[in-house]
Amino acid sequence: MKNTVTPDPDNLDEQFVLLDQLMEPPTVEQELELEKKIRWFTEGASKEQLIKHCEAVERQHFHQAQFIANCLSEIARCKAKIACLQNPVRQPTFKNWLRKVLKL
């Protein structure tokens, strides 16, 4: 794996660099399979086949977008938990709060 650094949460450029590092390039076999499919679309697919394929791609895109959004939300939740564990904030107790209010 490449050299990874923790991105600044406020810097989108750093976050995209991290995503690029996590994404592995396709294998030669995967690229050839993609080219084979593209040639089938351009040379041999009927209109009905293309329509069915477009429907399937749209459904897949929708589910992948939902999955990615859920993963990013979970990552954000986990990062918040880690930040809270690393930098705990001491919450005032009710007794201390009552003393401050009543100025005891």
C-alpha atoms as a PDB file:
ATOM      1  CA  MET A   1       0.000   0.000   0.000  1.00  0.00           C
ATOM      2  CA  LYS A   2       1.177   3.535  -0.700  1.00  0.00           C
ATOM      3  CA  ASN A   3       2.340   5.960   1.957  1.00  0.00           C
ATOM      4  CA  THR A   4      -0.854   7.123   3.668  1.00  0.00           C
ATOM      5  CA  VAL A   5      -1.297  10.183   5.806  1.00  0.00           C
ATOM      6  CA  THR A   6      -4.256  11.201   7.885  1.00  0.00           C
ATOM      7  CA  PRO A   7      -6.125  13.850   5.888  1.00  0.00           C
ATOM      8  CA  ASP A   8      -7.230  17.156   7.356  1.00  0.00           C
ATOM      9  CA  PRO A   9     -11.047  16.820   7.716  1.00  0.00           C
ATOM     10  CA  ASP A  10     -11.508  20.399   6.500  1.00  0.00           C
ATOM     11  CA  ASN A  11      -9.369  19.975   3.378  1.00  0.00           C
ATOM     12  CA  LEU A  12     -11.264  18.208   0.587  1.00  0.00           C
ATOM     13  CA  ASP A  13      -8.153  17.916  -1.592  1.00  0.00           C
ATOM     14  CA  GLU A  14      -6.443  15.819   1.096  1.00  0.00           C
ATOM     15  CA  GLN A  15      -9.526  13.641   1.459  1.00  0.00           C
ATOM     16  CA  PHE A  16      -9.598  12.943  -2.288  1.00  0.00           C
ATOM     17  CA  VAL A  17      -5.891  12.050  -2.198  1.00  0.00           C
ATOM     18  CA  LEU A  18      -6.691   9.500   0.507  1.00  0.00           C
ATOM     19  CA  LEU A  19      -9.510   8.048  -1.608  1.00  0.00           C
ATOM     20  CA  ASP A  20      -7.134   7.784  -4.578  1.00  0.00           C
ATOM     21  CA  GLN A  21      -4.664   5.905  -2.389  1.00  0.00           C
ATOM     22  CA  LEU A  22      -7.357   3.473  -1.271  1.00  0.00           C
ATOM     23  CA  MET A  23      -8.497   2.722  -4.809  1.00  0.00           C
ATOM     24  CA  GLU A  24      -6.502   0.004  -6.502  1.00  0.00           C
ATOM     25  CA  PRO A  25      -6.034   0.193 -10.263  1.00  0.00           C
ATOM     26  CA  PRO A  26      -7.871  -2.445 -12.323  1.00  0.00           C
ATOM     27  CA  THR A  27      -6.031  -5.535 -13.452  1.00  0.00           C
ATOM     28  CA  VAL A  28      -5.308  -6.144 -17.127  1.00  0.00           C
ATOM     29  CA  GLU A  29      -8.013  -8.828 -17.147  1.00  0.00           C
ATOM     30  CA  GLN A  30     -10.586  -6.374 -15.763  1.00  0.00           C
ATOM     31  CA  GLU A  31      -9.676  -3.768 -18.375  1.00  0.00           C
ATOM     32  CA  LEU A  32      -9.969  -6.343 -21.172  1.00  0.00           C
ATOM     33  CA  GLU A  33     -13.380  -7.470 -19.891  1.00  0.00           C
ATOM     34  CA  LEU A  34     -14.546  -3.847 -19.904  1.00  0.00           C
ATOM     35  CA  GLU A  35     -13.346  -3.357 -23.476  1.00  0.00           C
ATOM     36  CA  LYS A  36     -15.136  -6.562 -24.510  1.00  0.00           C
ATOM     37  CA  LYS A  37     -18.410  -5.239 -23.059  1.00  0.00           C
ATOM     38  CA  ILE A  38     -17.990  -1.847 -24.700  1.00  0.00           C
ATOM     39  CA  ARG A  39     -17.442  -3.470 -28.095  1.00  0.00           C
ATOM     40  CA  TRP A  40     -20.562  -5.586 -27.601  1.00  0.00           C
ATOM     41  CA  PHE A  41     -22.570  -2.425 -26.879  1.00  0.00           C
ATOM     42  CA  THR A  42     -21.293  -0.597 -29.927  1.00  0.00           C
ATOM     43  CA  GLU A  43     -21.353  -3.498 -32.386  1.00  0.00           C
ATOM     44  CA  GLY A  44     -23.843  -6.168 -31.411  1.00  0.00           C
ATOM     45  CA  ALA A  45     -26.403  -5.060 -28.843  1.00  0.00           C
ATOM     46  CA  SER A  46     -30.015  -4.563 -29.829  1.00  0.00           C
ATOM     47  CA  LYS A  47     -32.071  -1.602 -28.647  1.00  0.00           C
ATOM     48  CA  GLU A  48     -33.934  -3.787 -26.145  1.00  0.00           C
ATOM     49  CA  GLN A  49     -30.668  -5.153 -24.737  1.00  0.00           C
ATOM     50  CA  LEU A  50     -29.299  -1.634 -24.349  1.00  0.00           C
ATOM     51  CA  ILE A  51     -32.469  -0.495 -22.566  1.00  0.00           C
ATOM     52  CA  LYS A  52     -32.299  -3.436 -20.146  1.00  0.00           C
ATOM     53  CA  HIS A  53     -28.627  -2.766 -19.546  1.00  0.00           C
ATOM     54  CA  CYS A  54     -29.284   0.932 -18.845  1.00  0.00           C
ATOM     55  CA  GLU A  55     -31.973  -0.013 -16.334  1.00  0.00           C
ATOM     56  CA  ALA A  56     -29.602  -2.410 -14.581  1.00  0.00           C
ATOM     57  CA  VAL A  57     -26.799   0.160 -14.525  1.00  0.00           C
ATOM     58  CA  GLU A  58     -29.098   2.808 -13.026  1.00  0.00           C
ATOM     59  CA  ARG A  59     -30.257   0.410 -10.304  1.00  0.00           C
ATOM     60  CA  GLN A  60     -26.684  -0.598  -9.552  1.00  0.00           C
ATOM     61  CA  HIS A  61     -25.584   3.045  -9.462  1.00  0.00           C
ATOM     62  CA  PHE A  62     -28.375   3.868  -7.002  1.00  0.00           C
ATOM     63  CA  HIS A  63     -27.446   1.009  -4.659  1.00  0.00           C
ATOM     64  CA  GLN A  64     -23.734   1.778  -4.854  1.00  0.00           C
ATOM     65  CA  ALA A  65     -24.370   5.460  -4.084  1.00  0.00           C
ATOM     66  CA  GLN A  66     -26.477   4.462  -1.054  1.00  0.00           C
ATOM     67  CA  PHE A  67     -23.796   2.042   0.104  1.00  0.00           C
ATOM     68  CA  ILE A  68     -21.011   4.612  -0.260  1.00  0.00           C
ATOM     69  CA  ALA A  69     -23.045   7.270   1.545  1.00  0.00           C
ATOM     70  CA  ASN A  70     -23.711   4.849   4.414  1.00  0.00           C
ATOM     71  CA  CYS A  71     -20.027   3.905   4.571  1.00  0.00           C
ATOM     72  CA  LEU A  72     -18.949   7.552   4.668  1.00  0.00           C
ATOM     73  CA  SER A  73     -21.470   8.278   7.422  1.00  0.00           C
ATOM     74  CA  GLU A  74     -20.171   5.339   9.429  1.00  0.00           C
ATOM     75  CA  ILE A  75     -16.568   6.469   8.901  1.00  0.00           C
ATOM     76  CA  ALA A  76     -17.487   9.969  10.104  1.00  0.00           C
ATOM     77  CA  ARG A  77     -19.228   8.490  13.172  1.00  0.00           C
ATOM     78  CA  CYS A  78     -16.175   6.344  13.958  1.00  0.00           C
ATOM     79  CA  LYS A  79     -13.809   9.289  13.508  1.00  0.00           C
ATOM     80  CA  ALA A  80     -15.963  11.327  15.905  1.00  0.00           C
ATOM     81  CA  LYS A  81     -15.824   8.504  18.461  1.00  0.00           C
ATOM     82  CA  ILE A  82     -12.042   8.327  18.121  1.00  0.00           C
ATOM     83  CA  ALA A  83     -11.761  12.097  18.551  1.00  0.00           C
ATOM     84  CA  CYS A  84     -13.911  11.919  21.695  1.00  0.00           C
ATOM     85  CA  LEU A  85     -11.776   9.111  23.099  1.00  0.00           C
ATOM     86  CA  GLN A  86      -8.540  10.956  22.329  1.00  0.00           C
ATOM     87  CA  ASN A  87      -9.773  14.293  23.708  1.00  0.00           C
ATOM     88  CA  PRO A  88     -12.327  13.556  26.416  1.00  0.00           C
ATOM     89  CA  VAL A  89     -14.403  16.462  27.690  1.00  0.00           C
ATOM     90  CA  ARG A  90     -15.301  16.318  31.328  1.00  0.00           C
ATOM     91  CA  GLN A  91     -18.974  16.941  31.767  1.00  0.00           C
ATOM     92  CA  PRO A  92     -20.038  18.798  34.900  1.00  0.00           C
ATOM     93  CA  THR A  93     -21.996  16.755  37.381  1.00  0.00           C
ATOM     94  CA  PHE A  94     -25.426  17.837  38.508  1.00  0.00           C
ATOM     95  CA  LYS A  95     -24.063  18.606  41.983  1.00  0.00           C
ATOM     96  CA  ASN A  96     -21.405  20.978  40.570  1.00  0.00           C
ATOM     97  CA  TRP A  97     -23.932  22.578  38.287  1.00  0.00           C
ATOM     98  CA  LEU A  98     -26.311  23.143  41.193  1.00  0.00           C
ATOM     99  CA  ARG A  99     -23.504  24.753  43.206  1.00  0.00           C
ATOM    100  CA  LYS A 100     -22.745  27.141  40.364  1.00  0.00           C
ATOM    101  CA  VAL A 101     -26.386  28.070  39.922  1.00  0.00           C
ATOM    102  CA  LEU A 102     -26.951  28.616  43.627  1.00  0.00           C
ATOM    103  CA  LYS A 103     -23.458  30.179  44.049  1.00  0.00           C
ATOM    104  CA  LEU A 104     -22.578  27.948  46.979  1.00  0.00           C
END
